[in-house]
Protein backbone atom coordinates (compact mmCIF):
# COMPACT_ATOMS: atom_id res chain seq x y z
CA MET A 1 93.17 105.80 36.28
CA ALA A 2 89.63 107.05 36.76
CA ASN A 3 88.16 107.07 40.22
CA GLN A 4 85.39 104.57 40.71
CA PRO A 5 82.25 105.88 42.42
CA HIS A 6 82.63 103.23 45.12
CA ASP A 7 86.20 104.19 46.05
CA ASP A 8 86.52 105.09 49.71
CA PRO A 9 87.25 108.83 50.18
CA VAL A 10 89.77 108.00 52.92
CA TYR A 11 91.65 105.83 50.45
CA LEU A 12 91.56 108.55 47.78
CA HIS A 13 92.87 111.20 50.22
CA SER A 14 95.64 108.97 51.53
CA ARG A 15 96.69 108.00 47.99
CA ARG A 16 96.84 111.67 46.95
CA GLU A 17 98.89 112.55 50.04
CA ALA A 18 101.25 109.62 49.48
CA LEU A 19 101.80 110.58 45.85
CA LEU A 20 102.57 114.16 46.87
CA ILE A 21 105.10 113.01 49.46
CA LEU A 22 106.70 110.60 46.97
CA LEU A 23 106.92 113.41 44.41
CA LEU A 24 108.68 115.63 46.95
CA TRP A 25 111.06 112.80 47.84
CA GLY A 26 111.76 112.04 44.17
CA LEU A 27 112.48 115.66 43.31
CA SER A 28 114.90 116.01 46.21
CA PHE A 29 116.57 112.70 45.35
CA PHE A 30 117.00 113.57 41.68
CA TRP A 31 118.47 116.94 42.64
CA THR A 32 120.76 115.85 45.49
CA VAL A 33 122.40 112.73 44.07
CA PRO A 34 123.43 114.06 40.62
CA TYR A 35 124.37 117.50 41.98
CA CYS A 36 126.59 116.07 44.71
CA TYR A 37 128.09 113.53 42.33
CA LEU A 38 128.93 116.13 39.70
CA ARG A 39 130.11 118.88 42.06
CA GLY A 40 131.38 117.00 45.09
CA TYR A 41 133.76 114.55 43.52
CA GLN A 42 135.94 117.09 41.78
CA THR A 43 139.54 117.05 42.86
CA LEU A 44 140.93 120.50 43.31
CA SER A 45 144.59 121.06 42.62
CA ASN A 46 144.57 123.92 45.12
CA PRO A 47 142.41 123.56 48.27
CA GLU A 48 142.19 127.35 48.48
CA ASP A 49 139.98 127.26 45.38
CA LEU A 50 137.23 125.55 47.39
CA ARG A 51 134.22 127.89 47.58
CA LEU A 52 132.46 128.13 50.91
CA VAL A 53 128.81 129.05 51.42
CA TRP A 54 127.56 129.35 55.02
CA GLY A 55 130.85 127.83 56.18
CA MET A 56 130.39 124.65 54.13
CA PRO A 57 131.70 123.69 50.71
CA ALA A 58 129.35 125.11 48.08
CA TRP A 59 128.41 121.66 46.78
CA VAL A 60 127.30 120.59 50.28
CA THR A 61 125.26 123.75 50.74
CA TRP A 62 123.43 123.56 47.40
CA GLY A 63 123.34 119.77 47.12
CA VAL A 64 122.44 118.78 50.69
CA ALA A 65 121.59 121.67 53.04
CA VAL A 66 119.27 123.70 50.79
CA PRO A 67 117.23 120.67 49.62
CA TRP A 68 117.04 119.46 53.23
CA ILE A 69 115.75 122.81 54.47
CA THR A 70 113.37 123.12 51.51
CA CYS A 71 111.94 119.63 52.07
CA GLY A 72 111.51 120.36 55.76
CA ILE A 73 109.56 123.55 55.05
CA LEU A 74 107.46 121.88 52.34
CA SER A 75 106.73 118.93 54.64
CA ILE A 76 105.45 121.28 57.32
CA LEU A 77 103.27 123.10 54.77
CA ILE A 78 101.92 119.80 53.45
CA CYS A 79 101.08 118.69 56.99
CA LEU A 80 99.36 121.97 57.80
CA PHE A 81 97.42 122.61 54.61
CA VAL A 82 97.12 119.40 52.56
CA ILE A 83 96.83 116.40 54.87
CA ARG A 84 93.41 116.22 56.51
CA ASP A 85 91.84 114.10 59.19
CA ASP A 86 89.19 111.82 57.75
CA ASP A 87 86.28 110.40 59.67
CA LEU A 88 86.89 106.68 59.90
CA GLY A 89 83.50 105.90 61.41
CA HIS A 90 82.93 103.66 64.40
CA ALA A 91 84.61 100.33 64.92
CA GLY A 92 82.29 97.38 65.37
CA ASP A 93 83.51 96.64 68.90
CA GLU A 94 83.13 100.23 70.11
CA ALA A 95 80.21 100.97 72.38
CA ASP A 96 78.19 104.10 71.73
CA SER A 97 79.08 106.61 74.41
CA GLU A 98 76.03 108.73 73.63
């Protein structure tokens, strides 16, 4: 979809930011759900065969904890370096304080 010359820059920035956040959410969703389904619902004949990483079952670490930490770090980076404050102008009922 091509940008129209009359599109509001605030709208364009917010749409870009929303798409980036949705992409991050989608990637984490499509990693976490299949990974946990495939690795977490295995029945082990011997509980001693359960692998632990950081004191948690390996499937929890790689399927939940690592994506959670990664998304948290990426969210902070997006907030610091991608999302910008846009000038919204003056509201009609605001008095000029100048």
